[in-house]
Protein backbone atom coordinates (compact mmCIF):
# COMPACT_ATOMS: atom_id res chain seq x y z
CA MET A 1 -22.75 -3.65 -24.94
CA LYS A 2 -21.79 -6.88 -23.19
CA LYS A 3 -20.92 -6.94 -19.52
CA LYS A 4 -18.46 -9.57 -18.34
CA LEU A 5 -18.43 -10.65 -14.71
CA LEU A 6 -14.95 -11.95 -13.90
CA ALA A 7 -13.97 -13.73 -10.74
CA ARG A 8 -11.16 -12.39 -8.60
CA PHE A 9 -9.75 -14.40 -5.73
CA PRO A 10 -8.32 -13.81 -2.26
CA LEU A 11 -4.61 -13.04 -2.37
CA SER A 12 -2.09 -14.84 -0.21
CA ASN A 13 1.38 -16.21 0.15
CA PRO A 14 0.73 -19.83 -0.91
CA ARG A 15 2.98 -21.03 1.92
CA ARG A 16 0.90 -19.22 4.54
CA ILE A 17 -2.70 -19.49 5.74
CA TRP A 18 -3.89 -15.86 5.94
CA SER A 19 -5.49 -14.41 2.83
CA GLN A 20 -6.65 -10.94 1.77
CA ASP A 21 -10.11 -10.38 0.30
CA ASN A 22 -10.21 -6.62 -0.21
CA PHE A 23 -7.94 -3.63 -0.68
CA VAL A 24 -6.51 -2.45 2.65
CA LEU A 25 -6.45 1.19 3.81
CA SER A 26 -4.64 1.21 7.12
CA THR A 27 -2.69 3.43 9.49
CA PHE A 28 0.30 2.61 11.71
CA SER A 29 -1.46 4.12 14.71
CA PRO A 30 -4.63 6.10 15.23
CA GLY A 31 -3.18 7.75 18.35
CA LEU A 32 -0.18 8.85 20.36
CA LEU A 33 3.08 6.95 19.72
CA LYS A 34 4.13 6.55 23.34
CA LEU A 35 4.52 3.41 25.41
CA ASP A 36 4.41 4.65 29.00
CA ASP A 37 1.66 7.25 29.36
CA GLU A 38 -1.37 5.47 30.84
CA SER A 39 -3.51 8.51 31.68
CA GLU A 40 -7.26 8.22 31.21
CA GLU A 41 -7.17 11.48 29.28
CA ASN A 42 -4.96 9.91 26.61
CA ASN A 43 -7.07 6.76 26.62
CA GLU A 44 -10.10 8.89 25.78
CA ILE A 45 -8.16 10.68 23.04
CA MET A 46 -7.29 7.24 21.63
CA ARG A 47 -10.99 6.31 21.52
CA ARG A 48 -11.83 9.51 19.67
CA SER A 49 -8.86 8.97 17.34
CA VAL A 50 -10.09 5.50 16.41
CA ARG A 51 -13.50 6.90 15.59
CA THR A 52 -11.92 9.69 13.53
CA CYS A 53 -9.87 7.16 11.52
CA TYR A 54 -12.96 5.04 11.00
CA ASN A 55 -14.87 8.07 9.73
CA ALA A 56 -11.94 8.94 7.44
CA GLY A 57 -12.40 5.62 5.63
CA PHE A 58 -9.59 3.50 7.05
CA ASN A 59 -10.75 -0.13 6.93
CA LEU A 60 -7.99 -1.51 9.16
CA LEU A 61 -6.10 -0.01 12.10
CA GLU A 62 -2.77 -0.90 13.68
CA LEU A 63 -1.50 -0.40 17.21
CA GLY A 64 2.06 0.66 16.57
CA TRP A 65 3.83 1.73 19.77
CA ALA A 66 0.65 2.00 21.84
CA SER A 67 0.79 1.56 25.60
CA PRO A 68 -1.20 -1.46 26.88
CA GLU A 69 -3.95 0.75 28.31
CA ARG A 70 -4.35 2.79 25.14
CA ALA A 71 -4.28 -0.42 23.12
CA LYS A 72 -7.15 -1.74 25.24
CA ALA A 73 -9.09 1.48 24.66
CA ALA A 74 -8.50 1.21 20.89
CA VAL A 75 -9.60 -2.44 20.74
CA GLN A 76 -12.80 -1.67 22.64
CA MET A 77 -13.65 1.15 20.27
CA CYS A 78 -12.86 -1.00 17.20
CA GLU A 79 -15.17 -3.66 18.62
CA GLN A 80 -17.93 -1.08 18.91
CA LEU A 81 -17.38 0.25 15.38
CA GLY A 82 -16.87 -3.14 13.73
CA ILE A 83 -13.42 -2.42 12.29
CA GLY A 84 -10.42 -4.76 12.41
CA ILE A 85 -7.21 -3.96 14.26
CA ILE A 86 -3.69 -5.43 14.23
CA TYR A 87 -2.80 -5.73 17.90
CA GLN A 88 0.59 -4.88 19.34
CA ASN A 89 1.81 -4.99 22.94
CA LEU A 90 5.54 -4.30 23.12
CA LYS A 91 5.49 -4.94 26.86
CA ARG A 92 4.53 -8.56 26.14
CA TYR A 93 6.17 -9.52 22.84
CA GLY A 94 8.13 -8.28 19.83
CA GLY A 95 10.30 -5.22 19.43
CA MET A 96 11.28 -2.28 17.26
CA GLY A 97 14.36 -2.63 15.08
CA PRO A 98 17.63 -4.07 16.34
CA LYS A 99 17.81 -2.48 19.81
CA ASN A 100 14.40 -1.72 21.26
CA VAL A 101 13.01 -4.81 22.97
CA PHE A 102 10.85 -3.80 25.93
CA CYS A 103 9.62 -7.18 27.18
CA LYS A 104 11.70 -9.41 29.44
CA THR A 105 10.19 -12.59 28.01
CA ASN A 106 8.27 -13.31 24.82
CA ASP A 107 4.68 -13.69 25.92
CA LEU A 108 2.98 -13.79 22.53
CA LEU A 109 1.02 -16.97 23.21
CA ALA A 110 -0.50 -15.69 26.46
CA SER A 111 -1.22 -12.30 24.87
CA MET A 112 -3.02 -13.97 21.97
CA GLU A 113 -5.09 -16.05 24.38
CA GLU A 114 -5.98 -12.92 26.32
CA MET A 115 -7.13 -11.12 23.15
CA ARG A 116 -8.96 -14.07 21.63
CA ARG A 117 -12.38 -12.83 22.80
CA TRP A 118 -12.13 -9.61 20.78
CA LYS A 119 -13.48 -10.08 17.24
CA SER A 120 -11.87 -6.79 16.21
CA VAL A 121 -8.37 -8.23 16.72
CA VAL A 122 -7.70 -9.66 13.26
CA GLY A 123 -3.90 -9.75 13.44
CA TYR A 124 -0.82 -9.38 15.62
CA TYR A 125 2.02 -6.95 15.05
CA ILE A 126 4.88 -9.41 15.53
CA TRP A 127 7.93 -7.17 15.13
CA ASP A 128 8.48 -3.62 13.86
CA GLU A 129 11.35 -3.71 11.33
CA PRO A 130 13.36 -6.79 12.36
CA THR A 131 16.86 -5.90 11.31
CA THR A 132 19.32 -8.65 12.18
CA ILE A 133 19.26 -12.22 10.90
CA GLU A 134 18.58 -13.38 14.44
CA GLN A 135 15.55 -11.09 14.71
CA MET A 136 14.26 -12.37 11.37
CA HIS A 137 14.42 -15.95 12.63
CA THR A 138 12.69 -14.88 15.85
CA THR A 139 9.97 -13.16 13.81
CA ARG A 140 9.54 -16.31 11.72
CA ARG A 141 9.09 -18.48 14.82
CA MET A 142 6.56 -16.04 16.26
CA MET A 143 4.65 -15.94 12.97
CA ASP A 144 4.54 -19.73 12.84
CA LEU A 145 3.22 -19.78 16.42
CA CYS A 146 0.55 -17.20 15.62
CA GLU A 147 -0.47 -19.09 12.50
CA ARG A 148 -0.77 -22.34 14.46
CA GLU A 149 -2.81 -20.87 17.31
CA ARG A 150 -4.89 -18.34 15.36
CA PRO A 151 -4.96 -19.48 11.71
CA SER A 152 -7.38 -16.74 10.69
CA ALA A 153 -5.24 -13.94 12.14
CA LEU A 154 -2.61 -12.00 10.21
CA PRO A 155 0.90 -12.30 11.72
CA PHE A 156 2.33 -8.95 10.66
CA THR A 157 5.77 -7.42 10.33
CA VAL A 158 7.34 -4.62 8.28
CA ALA A 159 10.75 -4.20 6.63
CA ASN A 160 13.18 -1.29 6.78
CA PRO A 161 13.53 1.30 3.99
CA SER A 162 16.76 1.68 2.06
CA TYR A 163 17.74 4.86 3.92
CA ASN A 164 18.38 2.83 7.08
CA PRO A 165 22.18 3.21 7.53
CA ARG A 166 22.53 -0.57 7.62
CA PHE A 167 20.93 -1.14 4.25
CA LEU A 168 22.00 1.57 1.82
CA TRP A 169 21.76 0.93 -1.91
CA LYS A 170 25.30 2.27 -2.35
CA ASP A 171 26.65 -0.52 -0.15
CA GLY A 172 24.77 -3.16 -2.11
CA ASN A 173 23.06 -4.22 1.09
CA TYR A 174 19.44 -3.24 0.57
CA SER A 175 18.60 -5.92 -1.97
CA LYS A 176 20.35 -8.51 0.24
CA TYR A 177 18.38 -7.32 3.24
CA ILE A 178 15.03 -7.56 1.41
CA ASP A 179 15.86 -11.03 0.08
CA ASN A 180 16.90 -12.24 3.55
CA PHE A 181 13.79 -10.70 5.09
CA MET A 182 11.45 -12.43 2.64
CA ASP A 183 13.24 -15.77 2.51
CA ILE A 184 13.74 -16.17 6.27
CA ILE A 185 10.42 -14.75 7.50
CA ASP A 186 8.30 -15.67 4.44
CA PRO A 187 5.53 -13.27 5.58
CA PRO A 188 1.87 -13.56 4.53
CA ILE A 189 2.21 -10.05 3.07
CA MET A 190 5.33 -7.98 2.48
CA SER A 191 5.12 -4.52 4.01
CA PHE A 192 7.76 -1.81 3.91
CA ASP A 193 8.02 1.97 4.11
CA TYR A 194 9.68 5.04 2.67
CA TYR A 195 9.25 8.63 3.95
CA PRO A 196 10.97 10.97 1.47
CA VAL A 197 9.56 14.39 2.37
CA GLY A 198 12.17 16.36 4.29
CA MET A 199 15.10 14.16 3.29
CA LYS A 200 18.17 15.60 1.55
CA GLU A 201 17.08 14.02 -1.74
CA HIS A 202 13.87 16.06 -1.64
CA ASP A 203 13.72 19.73 -2.65
CA LYS A 204 11.19 22.13 -4.12
CA THR A 205 12.65 22.08 -7.62
CA ARG A 206 13.12 18.33 -8.09
CA GLN A 207 10.21 17.32 -5.81
CA LEU A 208 10.46 13.50 -5.57
CA ASP A 209 12.33 13.01 -8.85
CA GLU A 210 15.53 12.08 -6.98
CA SER A 211 13.92 9.85 -4.34
CA LEU A 212 15.17 6.29 -3.96
CA MET A 213 11.60 5.40 -2.98
CA TRP A 214 11.12 4.44 -6.64
CA CYS A 215 14.04 1.97 -6.44
CA ASP A 216 12.63 0.39 -3.29
CA LEU A 217 9.16 0.02 -4.80
CA GLU A 218 10.46 -1.64 -7.96
CA TYR A 219 12.83 -4.00 -6.19
CA VAL A 220 10.21 -5.11 -3.66
CA ARG A 221 7.63 -5.53 -6.44
CA ARG A 222 9.94 -7.89 -8.31
CA ALA A 223 10.92 -9.75 -5.15
CA CYS A 224 7.25 -10.27 -4.23
CA LYS A 225 6.36 -11.43 -7.73
CA LYS A 226 9.19 -13.97 -7.60
CA ARG A 227 7.84 -15.40 -4.31
CA ASN A 228 4.13 -14.85 -5.04
CA ILE A 229 3.60 -12.62 -1.98
CA PRO A 230 1.19 -9.64 -1.95
CA PHE A 231 2.70 -6.40 -0.72
CA TRP A 232 1.66 -3.27 1.16
CA PHE A 233 3.37 0.09 1.50
CA TYR A 234 3.66 2.66 4.28
CA TYR A 235 3.55 6.19 2.85
CA GLN A 236 4.46 9.34 4.75
CA GLY A 237 1.52 11.06 6.40
CA GLN A 238 3.25 13.08 9.09
CA ASN A 239 6.30 15.28 9.64
CA LEU A 240 5.53 17.06 6.38
CA HIS A 241 6.23 20.26 8.29
CA TYR A 242 9.90 19.57 7.52
CA GLU A 243 8.98 21.46 4.35
CA GLU A 244 8.04 25.13 4.36
CA PHE A 245 4.68 24.13 2.90
CA TYR A 246 2.32 21.43 4.08
CA ILE A 247 0.08 20.14 1.30
CA PHE A 248 -1.99 17.02 0.79
CA PRO A 249 -0.87 16.41 -2.84
CA MET A 250 2.46 15.20 -1.37
CA ILE A 251 0.55 12.41 0.37
CA ARG A 252 -1.64 11.79 -2.67
CA LEU A 253 1.46 11.35 -4.84
CA MET A 254 3.05 8.80 -2.48
CA MET A 255 -0.18 6.79 -2.28
CA HIS A 256 -0.58 6.78 -6.05
CA ALA A 257 3.10 5.96 -6.59
CA ALA A 258 2.69 2.76 -4.60
CA LEU A 259 -0.45 1.84 -6.56
CA LEU A 260 1.61 1.96 -9.76
CA TYR A 261 3.62 -0.98 -8.47
CA GLY A 262 0.61 -3.11 -7.64
CA VAL A 263 0.36 -2.79 -3.86
CA LYS A 264 -2.75 -4.27 -2.27
CA GLY A 265 -2.56 -2.23 0.90
CA LEU A 266 -1.74 1.41 1.67
CA GLN A 267 -0.59 2.15 5.21
CA HIS A 268 -0.54 5.70 6.54
CA TYR A 269 2.39 6.68 8.76
CA THR A 270 0.74 7.95 10.77
CA ALA A 271 -2.75 9.42 11.21
CA TRP A 272 -1.57 11.35 14.25
CA GLU A 273 -0.89 14.99 13.20
CA CYS A 274 -2.50 14.60 9.79
CA VAL A 275 -5.88 12.87 9.76
CA VAL A 276 -6.25 13.08 13.55
CA ASP A 277 -5.85 16.23 15.63
CA PRO A 278 -3.34 15.29 18.38
CA ALA A 279 -4.92 17.80 20.75
CA ASP A 280 -8.24 16.00 21.11
CA GLY A 281 -8.45 13.06 18.67
CA GLY A 282 -10.80 14.96 16.38
CA HIS A 283 -10.42 15.91 12.73
CA GLY A 284 -6.86 16.76 11.67
CA VAL A 285 -5.73 19.15 8.96
CA PHE A 286 -6.08 16.59 6.12
CA PHE A 287 -9.12 14.67 7.39
CA GLU A 288 -11.41 15.62 4.49
CA ASP A 289 -8.71 15.02 1.86
CA GLN A 290 -7.93 11.58 3.28
CA LYS A 291 -11.61 10.70 3.50
CA GLN A 292 -12.11 11.57 -0.16
CA ILE A 293 -9.15 9.58 -1.47
CA HIS A 294 -10.16 6.62 0.69
CA ALA A 295 -13.65 6.71 -0.80
CA GLU A 296 -12.13 6.69 -4.30
CA LEU A 297 -9.78 3.81 -3.52
CA ALA A 298 -12.60 1.82 -1.96
CA GLU A 299 -14.31 1.92 -5.36
CA LEU A 300 -11.17 1.35 -7.43
CA GLY A 301 -10.02 -1.35 -5.01
CA ARG A 302 -12.35 -4.00 -6.44
CA THR A 303 -10.52 -3.69 -9.74
CA LEU A 304 -7.06 -3.17 -8.23
CA MET A 305 -7.37 -6.45 -6.29
CA ALA A 306 -7.81 -8.29 -9.60
CA LEU A 307 -4.74 -6.77 -11.28
CA GLU A 308 -1.06 -7.59 -11.35
CA CYS A 309 1.54 -5.01 -12.33
CA THR A 310 3.75 -6.21 -15.18
CA HIS A 311 6.02 -3.17 -15.32
CA VAL A 312 6.32 0.54 -14.53
CA ILE A 313 7.73 3.11 -16.95
CA HIS A 314 8.89 6.65 -16.09
CA ASP A 315 9.82 9.64 -18.19
CA ASP A 316 13.48 10.64 -18.31
CA SER A 317 13.25 13.18 -15.49
CA LEU A 318 13.06 10.53 -12.76
CA LEU A 319 16.44 9.51 -11.27
CA PRO A 320 18.26 10.21 -14.56
CA ASP A 321 21.77 9.50 -13.26
CA CYS A 322 21.01 6.97 -10.52
CA PRO A 323 23.11 3.77 -10.86
CA TYR A 324 20.72 1.80 -8.61
CA MET A 325 17.74 2.62 -10.80
CA GLU A 326 19.36 1.59 -14.07
CA GLU A 327 18.98 -2.16 -13.54
CA LEU A 328 15.43 -1.59 -12.24
CA ARG A 329 14.28 0.69 -15.05
CA THR A 330 11.85 -0.43 -17.77
CA SER A 331 12.22 1.21 -21.19
CA MET A 332 9.36 2.18 -23.48
CA SER A 333 10.51 -0.49 -25.95
CA GLU A 334 9.36 -3.12 -23.42
CA SER A 335 5.84 -1.72 -23.25
CA LYS A 336 2.99 -3.81 -24.62
CA LEU A 337 0.64 -0.86 -25.01
CA LEU A 338 2.60 2.38 -25.41
CA ALA A 339 4.87 4.10 -27.90
CA GLY A 340 6.77 7.38 -28.06
CA LYS A 341 7.98 9.28 -25.00
CA LEU A 342 6.19 10.03 -21.77
CA PRO A 343 5.59 13.69 -20.91
CA TYR A 344 7.58 15.41 -18.17
CA ARG A 345 6.98 14.03 -14.67
CA THR A 346 4.74 11.22 -15.92
CA SER A 347 4.84 7.58 -14.84
CA VAL A 348 2.71 4.72 -16.12
CA SER A 349 2.04 1.18 -14.98
CA GLU A 350 0.87 -1.65 -17.20
CA LEU A 351 -1.28 -4.24 -15.45
CA THR A 352 -3.20 -7.37 -16.35
CA ASP A 353 -6.09 -9.24 -14.73
CA GLY A 354 -5.03 -12.77 -15.69
CA TYR A 355 -7.83 -13.09 -18.26
CA GLY A 356 -5.84 -11.22 -20.89
CA ASN A 357 -7.34 -7.80 -20.18
CA ASP A 358 -4.82 -4.96 -20.08
CA TYR A 359 -4.91 -1.88 -17.87
CA LEU A 360 -2.93 1.32 -17.79
CA MET A 361 -2.38 3.47 -14.70
CA VAL A 362 -1.15 6.99 -15.38
CA LEU A 363 0.40 9.22 -12.69
CA ASN A 364 1.18 12.92 -12.62
CA ARG A 365 4.30 13.00 -10.41
CA ASP A 366 4.10 16.76 -9.98
CA TYR A 367 2.55 17.55 -6.60
CA LEU A 368 2.51 21.32 -7.23
CA GLU A 369 0.89 21.60 -10.67
CA GLU A 370 -2.07 19.96 -12.38
CA LYS A 371 -1.62 19.28 -16.09
CA ASP A 372 -2.82 17.58 -19.24
CA ILE A 373 -1.01 14.35 -20.12
CA THR A 374 -1.00 12.81 -23.59
CA ILE A 375 -0.43 9.06 -23.99
CA THR A 376 0.49 7.43 -27.34
CA PHE A 377 -0.46 3.83 -28.18
CA ARG A 378 1.30 1.23 -30.34
CA GLN A 379 -1.93 0.50 -32.24
CA PRO A 380 -5.44 1.94 -32.58
CA SER A 381 -7.05 1.35 -29.20
CA ARG A 382 -10.24 1.63 -27.23
CA VAL A 383 -9.83 3.18 -23.78
CA TYR A 384 -12.18 2.58 -20.85
CA GLU A 385 -12.07 4.80 -17.80
CA VAL A 386 -12.44 3.12 -14.39
CA SER A 387 -14.52 5.57 -12.38
CA ARG A 388 -13.20 6.86 -9.07
CA GLU A 389 -16.77 7.52 -7.94
CA THR A 390 -18.33 4.13 -8.72
CA GLY A 391 -15.53 1.79 -9.82
CA GLU A 392 -17.49 1.14 -13.02
CA GLN A 393 -15.98 1.14 -16.51
CA SER A 394 -17.11 3.29 -19.42
CA ILE A 395 -15.66 3.98 -22.87
CA LEU A 396 -13.56 7.14 -22.79
CA CYS A 397 -12.40 7.11 -26.41
CA ASP A 398 -12.40 4.65 -29.31
CA ASN A 399 -10.12 3.87 -32.24
CA VAL A 400 -7.41 6.29 -31.14
CA THR A 401 -3.61 6.19 -31.29
CA GLU A 402 -3.32 8.78 -28.53
CA PHE A 403 -5.48 10.43 -25.93
CA THR A 404 -5.14 13.32 -23.50
CA ALA A 405 -6.52 13.57 -19.98
CA HIS A 406 -6.33 16.12 -17.20
CA PHE A 407 -4.60 15.24 -13.93
CA ILE A 408 -4.66 17.02 -10.59
CA GLU A 409 -1.47 17.48 -8.55
CA GLY A 410 -0.16 13.99 -7.74
CA GLY A 411 -3.24 12.59 -9.50
CA MET A 412 -3.64 9.10 -10.95
CA GLU A 413 -6.19 7.54 -13.29
CA LEU A 414 -6.86 3.90 -14.14
CA TYR A 415 -7.84 2.81 -17.66
CA ARG A 416 -8.54 -0.45 -19.46
CA VAL A 417 -7.04 -0.58 -22.96
CA GLU A 418 -7.91 -2.99 -25.77
CA PRO A 419 -7.37 -3.10 -29.54
CA ALA A 420 -9.99 -1.03 -31.36
CA ALA A 421 -10.84 -4.07 -33.49
CA ASP A 422 -12.06 -6.05 -30.45
CA GLU A 423 -15.76 -6.16 -29.58
CA PRO A 424 -16.41 -3.65 -26.78
CA SER A 425 -17.49 -4.92 -23.37
CA ILE A 426 -17.71 -3.70 -19.81
CA ILE A 427 -15.87 -5.69 -17.12
CA GLU A 428 -16.85 -6.06 -13.50
CA TYR A 429 -15.02 -8.20 -10.90
CA TYR A 430 -16.58 -10.19 -8.08
CA LEU A 431 -14.90 -11.96 -5.19
CA GLU A 432 -14.91 -15.75 -5.49
CA LYS A 433 -13.69 -17.55 -2.38
CA ASP A 434 -14.77 -21.13 -3.08
CA VAL A 435 -13.11 -21.83 -6.43
CA ILE A 436 -9.43 -22.48 -7.13
CA PRO A 437 -8.10 -19.54 -9.21
CA SER A 438 -7.68 -20.35 -12.89
CA THR A 439 -7.25 -18.24 -15.98
CA GLU A 440 -9.41 -20.81 -17.76
CA ILE A 441 -12.57 -19.89 -15.86
CA ALA A 442 -15.04 -18.52 -18.38
CA PRO A 443 -16.48 -15.07 -17.69
CA VAL A 444 -20.19 -14.68 -17.08
CA GLU A 445 -21.82 -12.40 -19.63
CA ALA A 446 -24.75 -10.27 -18.58
């Protein structure tokens, strides 16, 4: 069977300098979210926390809300481990939302110069959820400054979720906020968050079927596609004790949900309490689970970086009476690959690699029960499984109009689908950084 080597390319906002080579697995903070505690004991816990996150498979760390001394400790440990970090120092620059600005003057330039010697500092956390138009313009100016002085660094910011009282869907303000955020700031990557567990819309019976997280993901996906900006997503990794039970499949589901929409970075909010034990910086309750899913996504990431989501389809049990979802919903009639109805609590994403190869991502939205899911195709098809263990493709079934696979709680699988009449071939992607992307580039056959 032929093997095709297809080039994939760094992703970027074409109006910005920074570009992304590989799939990002990040966390908002490896340690304590506190600005004023400068004790050496907490600095040492931060060092251990960084090492724990590194061992859990995070390939990028962030310094959200870290005190300057703990930030220094984290940077030194990242330097030792060889992992990148997005630096933040709220005592010197930036802020959090509309009200929390802790620095008397904006000292970003001097802070960047001070941190220039650290190779581990690969970006700067410019502002955490700029909310007002004025803050968006300030963030834009700071990003432009960072880009001018450190072209290789990522100037980073993150948007609010729709449950912020200022930006509710019911007021028609969330879409306006996202459009303003992207048009004014024009960030290198678009990052936003949604933490549904413990909210009123979340209960044991409906799980996340009533969450507006799905609306946010779809709207931001479309907004990013319109502007050609890659996007990342913060999923909820702490405060799950709001529920009476505390299970990792909740986290797995949120991570996989974002992958459906084509994100190129998953950001954990936050490793503290979950991956990291807050008592000593050692292994937290979900360390092994997070390490495993990170290992899987590291393998799948080489393929995910080559794919663009064209649309996401849900079964009828998701947000059935939600007026905000109606204009964002894709019907089965719009599917290129699928026919029939999706099973209960099933979502699928159709993706393409730009060479005409089609992929299907299937998600079990139930985080309490594993199940078999049957998918029906429009025409006889050949299905390739993309391995979670190796990232390699292999034929799963051939000349079928439907197939059934088993899914764990909150589980997702990635498949390549082609007409059964086509000649079979295995596809592998490699990173090409020196050639202008083009769909006309011929694949290399091995």
